[in-house]
Amino acid sequence: MDFSPNAPKISDSALADYKTKLRKFVTNSRKKFCATSAFKKAIILRKSIIEMVTLEQALDIVMQLPLQQREMLIDIIHKRHIESRREEIARDAREAISAFHAGKLKAQPVGEIISELRQSIAT
């Protein structure tokens, strides 16, 4: 803004409009900051709660749930466990394929591989 004596005058309505827009901007900025700050605090609180809850405490909490909710929880945990195991197997397979393509592994006859697997299971 030009505040020199020769600067054009701003109408009262334009000035009021400018002040209103400025107030809205400041208010929205505060809201966004507060929301972001609250979100960060919630994450920190969640992490500290997770660190404080022992397995025994978690089991005690779960046992307070109604039977149907416990069964749902068991089903959800089972499915998530299966999914993470699948991801682990897929990751191992990708690593093995990469190692094979890099020449770190050699091709072997199927019979030899099965024999090695049986020996590793037996020990």
PDB file of N, CA and C in Angstrom:
ATOM      1  N   MET A   1       0.833  -1.180   0.000  1.00  0.00           N
ATOM      2  CA  MET A   1       0.000   0.000   0.000  1.00  0.00           C
ATOM      3  C   MET A   1       0.874   1.238   0.000  1.00  0.00           C
ATOM      4  N   ASP A   2       0.415   2.221  -0.692  1.00  0.00           N
ATOM      5  CA  ASP A   2       1.134   3.494  -0.775  1.00  0.00           C
ATOM      6  C   ASP A   2       0.523   4.454   0.234  1.00  0.00           C
ATOM      7  N   PHE A   3       1.307   4.867   1.236  1.00  0.00           N
ATOM      8  CA  PHE A   3       0.803   5.760   2.278  1.00  0.00           C
ATOM      9  C   PHE A   3       1.259   7.200   2.078  1.00  0.00           C
ATOM     10  N   SER A   4       1.803   7.509   0.945  1.00  0.00           N
ATOM     11  CA  SER A   4       2.261   8.884   0.703  1.00  0.00           C
ATOM     12  C   SER A   4       1.053   9.815   0.584  1.00  0.00           C
ATOM     13  N   PRO A   5       1.245  11.140   0.805  1.00  0.00           N
ATOM     14  CA  PRO A   5       0.115  12.073   0.742  1.00  0.00           C
ATOM     15  C   PRO A   5      -0.543  12.106  -0.630  1.00  0.00           C
ATOM     16  N   ASN A   6       0.171  11.756  -1.671  1.00  0.00           N
ATOM     17  CA  ASN A   6      -0.387  11.800  -3.028  1.00  0.00           C
ATOM     18  C   ASN A   6      -1.090  10.496  -3.429  1.00  0.00           C
ATOM     19  N   ALA A   7      -1.079   9.494  -2.549  1.00  0.00           N
ATOM     20  CA  ALA A   7      -1.687   8.201  -2.869  1.00  0.00           C
ATOM     21  C   ALA A   7      -3.194   8.355  -2.969  1.00  0.00           C
ATOM     22  N   PRO A   8      -3.813   7.584  -3.844  1.00  0.00           N
ATOM     23  CA  PRO A   8      -5.270   7.669  -3.965  1.00  0.00           C
ATOM     24  C   PRO A   8      -5.930   7.203  -2.666  1.00  0.00           C
ATOM     25  N   LYS A   9      -7.052   7.808  -2.339  1.00  0.00           N
ATOM     26  CA  LYS A   9      -7.782   7.465  -1.116  1.00  0.00           C
ATOM     27  C   LYS A   9      -8.501   6.130  -1.308  1.00  0.00           C
ATOM     28  N   ILE A  10      -8.567   5.339  -0.235  1.00  0.00           N
ATOM     29  CA  ILE A  10      -9.285   4.067  -0.249  1.00  0.00           C
ATOM     30  C   ILE A  10     -10.648   4.325   0.380  1.00  0.00           C
ATOM     31  N   SER A  11     -11.671   3.833  -0.270  1.00  0.00           N
ATOM     32  CA  SER A  11     -13.023   4.045   0.260  1.00  0.00           C
ATOM     33  C   SER A  11     -13.194   3.264   1.552  1.00  0.00           C
ATOM     34  N   ASP A  12     -14.125   3.730   2.377  1.00  0.00           N
ATOM     35  CA  ASP A  12     -14.396   3.060   3.647  1.00  0.00           C
ATOM     36  C   ASP A  12     -14.877   1.631   3.421  1.00  0.00           C
ATOM     37  N   SER A  13     -15.677   1.422   2.394  1.00  0.00           N
ATOM     38  CA  SER A  13     -16.187   0.066   2.123  1.00  0.00           C
ATOM     39  C   SER A  13     -15.056  -0.855   1.678  1.00  0.00           C
ATOM     40  N   ALA A  14     -14.128  -0.352   0.874  1.00  0.00           N
ATOM     41  CA  ALA A  14     -12.980  -1.160   0.443  1.00  0.00           C
ATOM     42  C   ALA A  14     -12.098  -1.497   1.636  1.00  0.00           C
ATOM     43  N   LEU A  15     -11.908  -0.523   2.523  1.00  0.00           N
ATOM     44  CA  LEU A  15     -11.100  -0.744   3.719  1.00  0.00           C
ATOM     45  C   LEU A  15     -11.777  -1.778   4.622  1.00  0.00           C
ATOM     46  N   ALA A  16     -13.090  -1.664   4.796  1.00  0.00           N
ATOM     47  CA  ALA A  16     -13.831  -2.621   5.615  1.00  0.00           C
ATOM     48  C   ALA A  16     -13.747  -4.017   5.003  1.00  0.00           C
ATOM     49  N   ASP A  17     -13.859  -4.098   3.675  1.00  0.00           N
ATOM     50  CA  ASP A  17     -13.756  -5.376   2.982  1.00  0.00           C
ATOM     51  C   ASP A  17     -12.373  -5.996   3.183  1.00  0.00           C
ATOM     52  N   TYR A  18     -11.345  -5.167   3.090  1.00  0.00           N
ATOM     53  CA  TYR A  18      -9.966  -5.618   3.290  1.00  0.00           C
ATOM     54  C   TYR A  18      -9.789  -6.149   4.711  1.00  0.00           C
ATOM     55  N   LYS A  19     -10.329  -5.417   5.710  1.00  0.00           N
ATOM     56  CA  LYS A  19     -10.205  -5.842   7.111  1.00  0.00           C
ATOM     57  C   LYS A  19     -10.932  -7.164   7.338  1.00  0.00           C
ATOM     58  N   THR A  20     -12.099  -7.307   6.727  1.00  0.00           N
ATOM     59  CA  THR A  20     -12.866  -8.553   6.862  1.00  0.00           C
ATOM     60  C   THR A  20     -12.091  -9.729   6.283  1.00  0.00           C
ATOM     61  N   LYS A  21     -11.538  -9.538   5.095  1.00  0.00           N
ATOM     62  CA  LYS A  21     -10.757 -10.604   4.464  1.00  0.00           C
ATOM     63  C   LYS A  21      -9.526 -10.941   5.292  1.00  0.00           C
ATOM     64  N   LEU A  22      -8.899  -9.934   5.849  1.00  0.00           N
ATOM     65  CA  LEU A  22      -7.715 -10.159   6.681  1.00  0.00           C
ATOM     66  C   LEU A  22      -8.092 -10.937   7.933  1.00  0.00           C
ATOM     67  N   ARG A  23      -9.213 -10.574   8.581  1.00  0.00           N
ATOM     68  CA  ARG A  23      -9.670 -11.302   9.775  1.00  0.00           C
ATOM     69  C   ARG A  23      -9.956 -12.763   9.436  1.00  0.00           C
ATOM     70  N   LYS A  24     -10.637 -13.006   8.308  1.00  0.00           N
ATOM     71  CA  LYS A  24     -10.946 -14.377   7.891  1.00  0.00           C
ATOM     72  C   LYS A  24      -9.669 -15.172   7.656  1.00  0.00           C
ATOM     73  N   PHE A  25      -8.712 -14.532   7.011  1.00  0.00           N
ATOM     74  CA  PHE A  25      -7.435 -15.206   6.739  1.00  0.00           C
ATOM     75  C   PHE A  25      -6.744 -15.580   8.046  1.00  0.00           C
ATOM     76  N   VAL A  26      -6.685 -14.638   8.970  1.00  0.00           N
ATOM     77  CA  VAL A  26      -6.019 -14.898  10.252  1.00  0.00           C
ATOM     78  C   VAL A  26      -6.762 -15.997  11.012  1.00  0.00           C
ATOM     79  N   THR A  27      -8.102 -15.924  11.028  1.00  0.00           N
ATOM     80  CA  THR A  27      -8.903 -16.933  11.729  1.00  0.00           C
ATOM     81  C   THR A  27      -8.685 -18.311  11.113  1.00  0.00           C
ATOM     82  N   ASN A  28      -8.733 -18.403   9.781  1.00  0.00           N
ATOM     83  CA  ASN A  28      -8.515 -19.691   9.117  1.00  0.00           C
ATOM     84  C   ASN A  28      -7.114 -20.214   9.366  1.00  0.00           C
ATOM     85  N   SER A  29      -6.141 -19.325   9.360  1.00  0.00           N
ATOM     86  CA  SER A  29      -4.761 -19.744   9.623  1.00  0.00           C
ATOM     87  C   SER A  29      -4.636 -20.313  11.027  1.00  0.00           C
ATOM     88  N   ARG A  30      -5.295 -19.661  11.983  1.00  0.00           N
ATOM     89  CA  ARG A  30      -5.259 -20.160  13.365  1.00  0.00           C
ATOM     90  C   ARG A  30      -5.934 -21.520  13.458  1.00  0.00           C
ATOM     91  N   LYS A  31      -7.082 -21.672  12.780  1.00  0.00           N
ATOM     92  CA  LYS A  31      -7.794 -22.947  12.806  1.00  0.00           C
ATOM     93  C   LYS A  31      -6.939 -24.051  12.225  1.00  0.00           C
ATOM     94  N   LYS A  32      -6.296 -23.769  11.083  1.00  0.00           N
ATOM     95  CA  LYS A  32      -5.436 -24.774  10.458  1.00  0.00           C
ATOM     96  C   LYS A  32      -4.278 -25.124  11.373  1.00  0.00           C
ATOM     97  N   PHE A  33      -3.691 -24.108  12.000  1.00  0.00           N
ATOM     98  CA  PHE A  33      -2.572 -24.360  12.913  1.00  0.00           C
ATOM     99  C   PHE A  33      -3.042 -25.192  14.091  1.00  0.00           C
ATOM    100  N   CYS A  34      -4.198 -24.835  14.651  1.00  0.00           N
ATOM    101  CA  CYS A  34      -4.731 -25.575  15.794  1.00  0.00           C
ATOM    102  C   CYS A  34      -5.045 -27.014  15.405  1.00  0.00           C
ATOM    103  N   ALA A  35      -5.634 -27.207  14.222  1.00  0.00           N
ATOM    104  CA  ALA A  35      -5.961 -28.559  13.772  1.00  0.00           C
ATOM    105  C   ALA A  35      -4.694 -29.378  13.571  1.00  0.00           C
ATOM    106  N   THR A  36      -3.696 -28.771  12.956  1.00  0.00           N
ATOM    107  CA  THR A  36      -2.429 -29.462  12.743  1.00  0.00           C
ATOM    108  C   THR A  36      -1.769 -29.781  14.072  1.00  0.00           C
ATOM    109  N   SER A  37      -1.783 -28.814  14.964  1.00  0.00           N
ATOM    110  CA  SER A  37      -1.188 -29.005  16.284  1.00  0.00           C
ATOM    111  C   SER A  37      -1.923 -30.094  17.052  1.00  0.00           C
ATOM    112  N   ALA A  38      -3.262 -30.081  16.986  1.00  0.00           N
ATOM    113  CA  ALA A  38      -4.054 -31.095  17.678  1.00  0.00           C
ATOM    114  C   ALA A  38      -3.779 -32.474  17.091  1.00  0.00           C
ATOM    115  N   PHE A  39      -3.636 -32.561  15.768  1.00  0.00           N
ATOM    116  CA  PHE A  39      -3.344 -33.829  15.115  1.00  0.00           C
ATOM    117  C   PHE A  39      -1.988 -34.365  15.572  1.00  0.00           C
ATOM    118  N   LYS A  40      -0.994 -33.478  15.620  1.00  0.00           N
ATOM    119  CA  LYS A  40       0.335 -33.910  16.076  1.00  0.00           C
ATOM    120  C   LYS A  40       0.288 -34.377  17.520  1.00  0.00           C
ATOM    121  N   LYS A  41      -0.463 -33.653  18.362  1.00  0.00           N
ATOM    122  CA  LYS A  41      -0.585 -34.054  19.769  1.00  0.00           C
ATOM    123  C   LYS A  41      -1.268 -35.407  19.881  1.00  0.00           C
ATOM    124  N   ALA A  42      -2.285 -35.649  19.038  1.00  0.00           N
ATOM    125  CA  ALA A  42      -2.996 -36.931  19.061  1.00  0.00           C
ATOM    126  C   ALA A  42      -2.064 -38.071  18.677  1.00  0.00           C
ATOM    127  N   ILE A  43      -1.217 -37.848  17.682  1.00  0.00           N
ATOM    128  CA  ILE A  43      -0.264 -38.889  17.268  1.00  0.00           C
ATOM    129  C   ILE A  43       0.723 -39.188  18.394  1.00  0.00           C
ATOM    130  N   ILE A  44       1.227 -38.132  19.021  1.00  0.00           N
ATOM    131  CA  ILE A  44       2.172 -38.315  20.133  1.00  0.00           C
ATOM    132  C   ILE A  44       1.500 -39.061  21.272  1.00  0.00           C
ATOM    133  N   LEU A  45       0.245 -38.669  21.598  1.00  0.00           N
ATOM    134  CA  LEU A  45      -0.493 -39.331  22.665  1.00  0.00           C
ATOM    135  C   LEU A  45      -0.721 -40.796  22.331  1.00  0.00           C
ATOM    136  N   ARG A  46      -1.091 -41.068  21.083  1.00  0.00           N
ATOM    137  CA  ARG A  46      -1.328 -42.452  20.662  1.00  0.00           C
ATOM    138  C   ARG A  46      -0.059 -43.286  20.803  1.00  0.00           C
ATOM    139  N   LYS A  47       1.064 -42.724  20.386  1.00  0.00           N
ATOM    140  CA  LYS A  47       2.327 -43.452  20.505  1.00  0.00           C
ATOM    141  C   LYS A  47       2.657 -43.727  21.962  1.00  0.00           C
ATOM    142  N   SER A  48       2.442 -42.752  22.832  1.00  0.00           N
ATOM    143  CA  SER A  48       2.769 -42.959  24.235  1.00  0.00           C
ATOM    144  C   SER A  48       1.830 -43.979  24.867  1.00  0.00           C
ATOM    145  N   ILE A  49       0.563 -43.990  24.443  1.00  0.00           N
ATOM    146  CA  ILE A  49      -0.377 -44.985  24.965  1.00  0.00           C
ATOM    147  C   ILE A  49       0.045 -46.375  24.532  1.00  0.00           C
ATOM    148  N   ILE A  50       0.412 -46.511  23.268  1.00  0.00           N
ATOM    149  CA  ILE A  50       0.838 -47.813  22.756  1.00  0.00           C
ATOM    150  C   ILE A  50       2.078 -48.301  23.502  1.00  0.00           C
ATOM    151  N   GLU A  51       3.001 -47.398  23.784  1.00  0.00           N
ATOM    152  CA  GLU A  51       4.215 -47.783  24.498  1.00  0.00           C
ATOM    153  C   GLU A  51       3.903 -48.184  25.934  1.00  0.00           C
ATOM    154  N   MET A  52       2.858 -47.592  26.519  1.00  0.00           N
ATOM    155  CA  MET A  52       2.544 -47.858  27.920  1.00  0.00           C
ATOM    156  C   MET A  52       1.736 -49.135  28.102  1.00  0.00           C
ATOM    157  N   VAL A  53       0.976 -49.544  27.075  1.00  0.00           N
ATOM    158  CA  VAL A  53       0.110 -50.710  27.203  1.00  0.00           C
ATOM    159  C   VAL A  53       0.943 -51.975  27.034  1.00  0.00           C
ATOM    160  N   THR A  54       0.911 -52.809  28.043  1.00  0.00           N
ATOM    161  CA  THR A  54       1.604 -54.089  27.948  1.00  0.00           C
ATOM    162  C   THR A  54       0.675 -55.111  27.317  1.00  0.00           C
ATOM    163  N   LEU A  55       1.210 -56.234  26.965  1.00  0.00           N
ATOM    164  CA  LEU A  55       0.399 -57.301  26.389  1.00  0.00           C
ATOM    165  C   LEU A  55      -0.675 -57.732  27.381  1.00  0.00           C
ATOM    166  N   GLU A  56      -0.311 -57.843  28.639  1.00  0.00           N
ATOM    167  CA  GLU A  56      -1.277 -58.252  29.667  1.00  0.00           C
ATOM    168  C   GLU A  56      -2.419 -57.244  29.774  1.00  0.00           C
ATOM    169  N   GLN A  57      -2.090 -55.961  29.711  1.00  0.00           N
ATOM    170  CA  GLN A  57      -3.122 -54.922  29.774  1.00  0.00           C
ATOM    171  C   GLN A  57      -4.022 -54.985  28.543  1.00  0.00           C
ATOM    172  N   ALA A  58      -3.422 -55.208  27.381  1.00  0.00           N
ATOM    173  CA  ALA A  58      -4.206 -55.311  26.153  1.00  0.00           C
ATOM    174  C   ALA A  58      -5.172 -56.491  26.244  1.00  0.00           C
ATOM    175  N   LEU A  59      -4.697 -57.611  26.753  1.00  0.00           N
ATOM    176  CA  LEU A  59      -5.564 -58.775  26.915  1.00  0.00           C
ATOM    177  C   LEU A  59      -6.700 -58.490  27.893  1.00  0.00           C
ATOM    178  N   ASP A  60      -6.389 -57.791  28.976  1.00  0.00           N
ATOM    179  CA  ASP A  60      -7.430 -57.425  29.935  1.00  0.00           C
ATOM    180  C   ASP A  60      -8.499 -56.554  29.279  1.00  0.00           C
ATOM    181  N   ILE A  61      -8.060 -55.612  28.451  1.00  0.00           N
ATOM    182  CA  ILE A  61      -9.004 -54.735  27.751  1.00  0.00           C
ATOM    183  C   ILE A  61      -9.862 -55.548  26.785  1.00  0.00           C
ATOM    184  N   VAL A  62      -9.224 -56.440  26.039  1.00  0.00           N
ATOM    185  CA  VAL A  62      -9.947 -57.265  25.068  1.00  0.00           C
ATOM    186  C   VAL A  62     -10.961 -58.150  25.778  1.00  0.00           C
ATOM    187  N   MET A  63     -10.608 -58.691  26.921  1.00  0.00           N
ATOM    188  CA  MET A  63     -11.516 -59.582  27.639  1.00  0.00           C
ATOM    189  C   MET A  63     -12.735 -58.838  28.188  1.00  0.00           C
ATOM    190  N   GLN A  64     -12.670 -57.524  28.245  1.00  0.00           N
ATOM    191  CA  GLN A  64     -13.813 -56.737  28.694  1.00  0.00           C
ATOM    192  C   GLN A  64     -14.822 -56.506  27.564  1.00  0.00           C
ATOM    193  N   LEU A  65     -14.416 -56.790  26.335  1.00  0.00           N
ATOM    194  CA  LEU A  65     -15.326 -56.635  25.198  1.00  0.00           C
ATOM    195  C   LEU A  65     -16.383 -57.730  25.217  1.00  0.00           C
ATOM    196  N   PRO A  66     -17.542 -57.448  24.639  1.00  0.00           N
ATOM    197  CA  PRO A  66     -18.534 -58.509  24.486  1.00  0.00           C
ATOM    198  C   PRO A  66     -17.989 -59.613  23.581  1.00  0.00           C
ATOM    199  N   LEU A  67     -18.522 -60.814  23.744  1.00  0.00           N
ATOM    200  CA  LEU A  67     -18.032 -61.985  23.012  1.00  0.00           C
ATOM    201  C   LEU A  67     -18.007 -61.761  21.506  1.00  0.00           C
ATOM    202  N   GLN A  68     -19.065 -61.183  20.959  1.00  0.00           N
ATOM    203  CA  GLN A  68     -19.139 -60.971  19.511  1.00  0.00           C
ATOM    204  C   GLN A  68     -18.020 -60.032  19.036  1.00  0.00           C
ATOM    205  N   GLN A  69     -17.731 -58.978  19.795  1.00  0.00           N
ATOM    206  CA  GLN A  69     -16.653 -58.058  19.415  1.00  0.00           C
ATOM    207  C   GLN A  69     -15.290 -58.727  19.549  1.00  0.00           C
ATOM    208  N   ARG A  70     -15.130 -59.591  20.546  1.00  0.00           N
ATOM    209  CA  ARG A  70     -13.858 -60.332  20.666  1.00  0.00           C
ATOM    210  C   ARG A  70     -13.655 -61.237  19.466  1.00  0.00           C
ATOM    211  N   GLU A  71     -14.724 -61.902  19.032  1.00  0.00           N
ATOM    212  CA  GLU A  71     -14.623 -62.775  17.863  1.00  0.00           C
ATOM    213  C   GLU A  71     -14.289 -61.975  16.614  1.00  0.00           C
ATOM    214  N   MET A  72     -14.886 -60.793  16.483  1.00  0.00           N
ATOM    215  CA  MET A  72     -14.561 -59.923  15.349  1.00  0.00           C
ATOM    216  C   MET A  72     -13.096 -59.502  15.410  1.00  0.00           C
ATOM    217  N   LEU A  73     -12.628 -59.162  16.599  1.00  0.00           N
ATOM    218  CA  LEU A  73     -11.231 -58.747  16.771  1.00  0.00           C
ATOM    219  C   LEU A  73     -10.279 -59.880  16.401  1.00  0.00           C
ATOM    220  N   ILE A  74     -10.600 -61.082  16.844  1.00  0.00           N
ATOM    221  CA  ILE A  74      -9.769 -62.249  16.505  1.00  0.00           C
ATOM    222  C   ILE A  74      -9.719 -62.434  14.994  1.00  0.00           C
ATOM    223  N   ASP A  75     -10.867 -62.310  14.341  1.00  0.00           N
ATOM    224  CA  ASP A  75     -10.935 -62.457  12.883  1.00  0.00           C
ATOM    225  C   ASP A  75     -10.103 -61.382  12.189  1.00  0.00           C
ATOM    226  N   ILE A  76     -10.215 -60.137  12.645  1.00  0.00           N
ATOM    227  CA  ILE A  76      -9.452 -59.034  12.043  1.00  0.00           C
ATOM    228  C   ILE A  76      -7.954 -59.257  12.222  1.00  0.00           C
ATOM    229  N   ILE A  77      -7.548 -59.623  13.426  1.00  0.00           N
ATOM    230  CA  ILE A  77      -6.116 -59.855  13.686  1.00  0.00           C
ATOM    231  C   ILE A  77      -5.614 -61.028  12.842  1.00  0.00           C
ATOM    232  N   HIS A  78      -6.412 -62.086  12.736  1.00  0.00           N
ATOM    233  CA  HIS A  78      -6.013 -63.249  11.936  1.00  0.00           C
ATOM    234  C   HIS A  78      -5.814 -62.859  10.470  1.00  0.00           C
ATOM    235  N   LYS A  79      -6.762 -62.097   9.929  1.00  0.00           N
ATOM    236  CA  LYS A  79      -6.650 -61.680   8.525  1.00  0.00           C
ATOM    237  C   LYS A  79      -5.447 -60.761   8.311  1.00  0.00           C
ATOM    238  N   ARG A  80      -5.206 -59.865   9.241  1.00  0.00           N
ATOM    239  CA  ARG A  80      -4.040 -58.971   9.114  1.00  0.00           C
ATOM    240  C   ARG A  80      -2.739 -59.755   9.214  1.00  0.00           C
ATOM    241  N   HIS A  81      -2.733 -60.777  10.064  1.00  0.00           N
ATOM    242  CA  HIS A  81      -1.542 -61.619  10.188  1.00  0.00           C
ATOM    243  C   HIS A  81      -1.272 -62.358   8.882  1.00  0.00           C
ATOM    244  N   ILE A  82      -2.325 -62.897   8.285  1.00  0.00           N
ATOM    245  CA  ILE A  82      -2.183 -63.593   7.005  1.00  0.00           C
ATOM    246  C   ILE A  82      -1.648 -62.632   5.948  1.00  0.00           C
ATOM    247  N   GLU A  83      -2.201 -61.424   5.899  1.00  0.00           N
ATOM    248  CA  GLU A  83      -1.761 -60.441   4.902  1.00  0.00           C
ATOM    249  C   GLU A  83      -0.294 -60.061   5.102  1.00  0.00           C
ATOM    250  N   SER A  84       0.117 -59.846   6.357  1.00  0.00           N
ATOM    251  CA  SER A  84       1.523 -59.488   6.562  1.00  0.00           C
ATOM    252  C   SER A  84       2.449 -60.650   6.234  1.00  0.00           C
ATOM    253  N   ARG A  85       2.000 -61.875   6.482  1.00  0.00           N
ATOM    254  CA  ARG A  85       2.806 -63.041   6.110  1.00  0.00           C
ATOM    255  C   ARG A  85       2.931 -63.140   4.592  1.00  0.00           C
ATOM    256  N   ARG A  86       1.832 -62.868   3.883  1.00  0.00           N
ATOM    257  CA  ARG A  86       1.886 -62.867   2.412  1.00  0.00           C
ATOM    258  C   ARG A  86       2.873 -61.824   1.905  1.00  0.00           C
ATOM    259  N   GLU A  87       2.824 -60.644   2.506  1.00  0.00           N
ATOM    260  CA  GLU A  87       3.750 -59.582   2.100  1.00  0.00           C
ATOM    261  C   GLU A  87       5.195 -59.992   2.357  1.00  0.00           C
ATOM    262  N   GLU A  88       5.430 -60.667   3.484  1.00  0.00           N
ATOM    263  CA  GLU A  88       6.782 -61.134   3.805  1.00  0.00           C
ATOM    264  C   GLU A  88       7.256 -62.174   2.790  1.00  0.00           C
ATOM    265  N   ILE A  89       6.381 -63.114   2.439  1.00  0.00           N
ATOM    266  CA  ILE A  89       6.729 -64.147   1.449  1.00  0.00           C
ATOM    267  C   ILE A  89       7.008 -63.508   0.094  1.00  0.00           C
ATOM    268  N   ALA A  90       6.175 -62.549  -0.298  1.00  0.00           N
ATOM    269  CA  ALA A  90       6.369 -61.870  -1.587  1.00  0.00           C
ATOM    270  C   ALA A  90       7.696 -61.102  -1.590  1.00  0.00           C
ATOM    271  N   ARG A  91       8.006 -60.441  -0.479  1.00  0.00           N
ATOM    272  CA  ARG A  91       9.272 -59.706  -0.383  1.00  0.00           C
ATOM    273  C   ARG A  91      10.463 -60.654  -0.496  1.00  0.00           C
ATOM    274  N   ASP A  92      10.382 -61.799   0.210  1.00  0.00           N
ATOM    275  CA  ASP A  92      11.448 -62.800   0.125  1.00  0.00           C
ATOM    276  C   ASP A  92      11.607 -63.327  -1.302  1.00  0.00           C
ATOM    277  N   ALA A  93      10.478 -63.547  -1.976  1.00  0.00           N
ATOM    278  CA  ALA A  93      10.525 -64.042  -3.355  1.00  0.00           C
ATOM    279  C   ALA A  93      11.169 -63.014  -4.279  1.00  0.00           C
ATOM    280  N   ARG A  94      10.788 -61.741  -4.109  1.00  0.00           N
ATOM    281  CA  ARG A  94      11.401 -60.685  -4.946  1.00  0.00           C
ATOM    282  C   ARG A  94      12.911 -60.613  -4.711  1.00  0.00           C
ATOM    283  N   GLU A  95      13.322 -60.734  -3.451  1.00  0.00           N
ATOM    284  CA  GLU A  95      14.759 -60.701  -3.142  1.00  0.00           C
ATOM    285  C   GLU A  95      15.476 -61.896  -3.763  1.00  0.00           C
ATOM    286  N   ALA A  96      14.849 -63.066  -3.697  1.00  0.00           N
ATOM    287  CA  ALA A  96      15.464 -64.268  -4.269  1.00  0.00           C
ATOM    288  C   ALA A  96      15.573 -64.151  -5.785  1.00  0.00           C
ATOM    289  N   ILE A  97      14.545 -63.644  -6.427  1.00  0.00           N
ATOM    290  CA  ILE A  97      14.583 -63.463  -7.883  1.00  0.00           C
ATOM    291  C   ILE A  97      15.669 -62.461  -8.264  1.00  0.00           C
ATOM    292  N   SER A  98      15.765 -61.371  -7.512  1.00  0.00           N
ATOM    293  CA  SER A  98      16.813 -60.373  -7.781  1.00  0.00           C
ATOM    294  C   SER A  98      18.199 -60.976  -7.597  1.00  0.00           C
ATOM    295  N   ALA A  99      18.364 -61.768  -6.530  1.00  0.00           N
ATOM    296  CA  ALA A  99      19.657 -62.413  -6.291  1.00  0.00           C
ATOM    297  C   ALA A  99      19.983 -63.391  -7.413  1.00  0.00           C
ATOM    298  N   PHE A 100      18.973 -64.121  -7.901  1.00  0.00           N
ATOM    299  CA  PHE A 100      19.198 -65.059  -9.003  1.00  0.00           C
ATOM    300  C   PHE A 100      19.623 -64.315 -10.263  1.00  0.00           C
ATOM    301  N   HIS A 101      18.904 -63.221 -10.577  1.00  0.00           N
ATOM    302  CA  HIS A 101      19.245 -62.446 -11.773  1.00  0.00           C
ATOM    303  C   HIS A 101      20.612 -61.773 -11.636  1.00  0.00           C
ATOM    304  N   ALA A 102      21.016 -61.486 -10.409  1.00  0.00           N
ATOM    305  CA  ALA A 102      22.325 -60.867 -10.189  1.00  0.00           C
ATOM    306  C   ALA A 102      23.447 -61.906 -10.185  1.00  0.00           C
ATOM    307  N   GLY A 103      23.074 -63.184 -10.290  1.00  0.00           N
ATOM    308  CA  GLY A 103      24.092 -64.238 -10.341  1.00  0.00           C
ATOM    309  C   GLY A 103      24.532 -64.717  -8.969  1.00  0.00           C
ATOM    310  N   LYS A 104      23.830 -64.324  -7.934  1.00  0.00           N
ATOM    311  CA  LYS A 104      24.207 -64.734  -6.574  1.00  0.00           C
ATOM    312  C   LYS A 104      23.674 -66.123  -6.229  1.00  0.00           C
ATOM    313  N   LEU A 105      22.705 -66.588  -6.981  1.00  0.00           N
ATOM    314  CA  LEU A 105      22.139 -67.928  -6.785  1.00  0.00           C
ATOM    315  C   LEU A 105      22.293 -68.717  -8.078  1.00  0.00           C
ATOM    316  N   LYS A 106      22.430 -70.025  -7.934  1.00  0.00           N
ATOM    317  CA  LYS A 106      22.561 -70.847  -9.129  1.00  0.00           C
ATOM    318  C   LYS A 106      21.324 -71.733  -9.292  1.00  0.00           C
ATOM    319  N   ALA A 107      21.030 -72.089 -10.514  1.00  0.00           N
ATOM    320  CA  ALA A 107      19.908 -72.980 -10.801  1.00  0.00           C
ATOM    321  C   ALA A 107      20.271 -74.375 -10.331  1.00  0.00           C
ATOM    322  N   GLN A 108      19.293 -75.076  -9.737  1.00  0.00           N
ATOM    323  CA  GLN A 108      19.524 -76.427  -9.239  1.00  0.00           C
ATOM    324  C   GLN A 108      18.383 -77.326  -9.691  1.00  0.00           C
ATOM    325  N   PRO A 109      18.652 -78.614  -9.811  1.00  0.00           N
ATOM    326  CA  PRO A 109      17.579 -79.557 -10.143  1.00  0.00           C
ATOM    327  C   PRO A 109      16.552 -79.607  -8.995  1.00  0.00           C
ATOM    328  N   VAL A 110      15.304 -79.826  -9.341  1.00  0.00           N
ATOM    329  CA  VAL A 110      14.218 -79.831  -8.355  1.00  0.00           C
ATOM    330  C   VAL A 110      14.461 -80.889  -7.282  1.00  0.00           C
ATOM    331  N   GLY A 111      14.898 -82.063  -7.684  1.00  0.00           N
ATOM    332  CA  GLY A 111      15.153 -83.146  -6.718  1.00  0.00           C
ATOM    333  C   GLY A 111      16.163 -82.735  -5.658  1.00  0.00           C
ATOM    334  N   GLU A 112      17.196 -82.034  -6.082  1.00  0.00           N
ATOM    335  CA  GLU A 112      18.228 -81.584  -5.150  1.00  0.00           C
ATOM    336  C   GLU A 112      17.654 -80.559  -4.158  1.00  0.00           C
ATOM    337  N   ILE A 113      16.816 -79.668  -4.654  1.00  0.00           N
ATOM    338  CA  ILE A 113      16.207 -78.639  -3.797  1.00  0.00           C
ATOM    339  C   ILE A 113      15.294 -79.296  -2.764  1.00  0.00           C
ATOM    340  N   ILE A 114      14.478 -80.265  -3.211  1.00  0.00           N
ATOM    341  CA  ILE A 114      13.563 -80.956  -2.294  1.00  0.00           C
ATOM    342  C   ILE A 114      14.350 -81.716  -1.242  1.00  0.00           C
ATOM    343  N   SER A 115      15.421 -82.345  -1.646  1.00  0.00           N
ATOM    344  CA  SER A 115      16.273 -83.073  -0.708  1.00  0.00           C
ATOM    345  C   SER A 115      16.845 -82.125   0.350  1.00  0.00           C
ATOM    346  N   GLU A 116      17.328 -80.961  -0.076  1.00  0.00           N
ATOM    347  CA  GLU A 116      17.857 -79.972   0.873  1.00  0.00           C
ATOM    348  C   GLU A 116      16.768 -79.466   1.818  1.00  0.00           C
ATOM    349  N   LEU A 117      15.566 -79.266   1.290  1.00  0.00           N
ATOM    350  CA  LEU A 117      14.454 -78.818   2.137  1.00  0.00           C
ATOM    351  C   LEU A 117      14.117 -79.869   3.187  1.00  0.00           C
ATOM    352  N   ARG A 118      14.070 -81.117   2.775  1.00  0.00           N
ATOM    353  CA  ARG A 118      13.757 -82.201   3.726  1.00  0.00           C
ATOM    354  C   ARG A 118      14.824 -82.286   4.811  1.00  0.00           C
ATOM    355  N   GLN A 119      16.089 -82.124   4.435  1.00  0.00           N
ATOM    356  CA  GLN A 119      17.160 -82.160   5.412  1.00  0.00           C
ATOM    357  C   GLN A 119      17.061 -80.997   6.397  1.00  0.00           C
ATOM    358  N   SER A 120      16.690 -79.813   5.876  1.00  0.00           N
ATOM    359  CA  SER A 120      16.594 -78.647   6.765  1.00  0.00           C
ATOM    360  C   SER A 120      15.407 -78.782   7.723  1.00  0.00           C
ATOM    361  N   ILE A 121      14.345 -79.457   7.271  1.00  0.00           N
ATOM    362  CA  ILE A 121      13.177 -79.671   8.141  1.00  0.00           C
ATOM    363  C   ILE A 121      13.496 -80.702   9.220  1.00  0.00           C
ATOM    364  N   ALA A 122      14.256 -81.726   8.854  1.00  0.00           N
ATOM    365  CA  ALA A 122      14.576 -82.801   9.770  1.00  0.00           C
ATOM    366  C   ALA A 122      15.499 -82.341  10.907  1.00  0.00           C
ATOM    367  N   THR A 123      16.279 -81.314  10.683  1.00  0.00           N
ATOM    368  CA  THR A 123      17.215 -80.884  11.727  1.00  0.00           C
ATOM    369  C   THR A 123      16.660 -79.808  12.601  1.00  0.00           C
TER     370      THR A 123
END
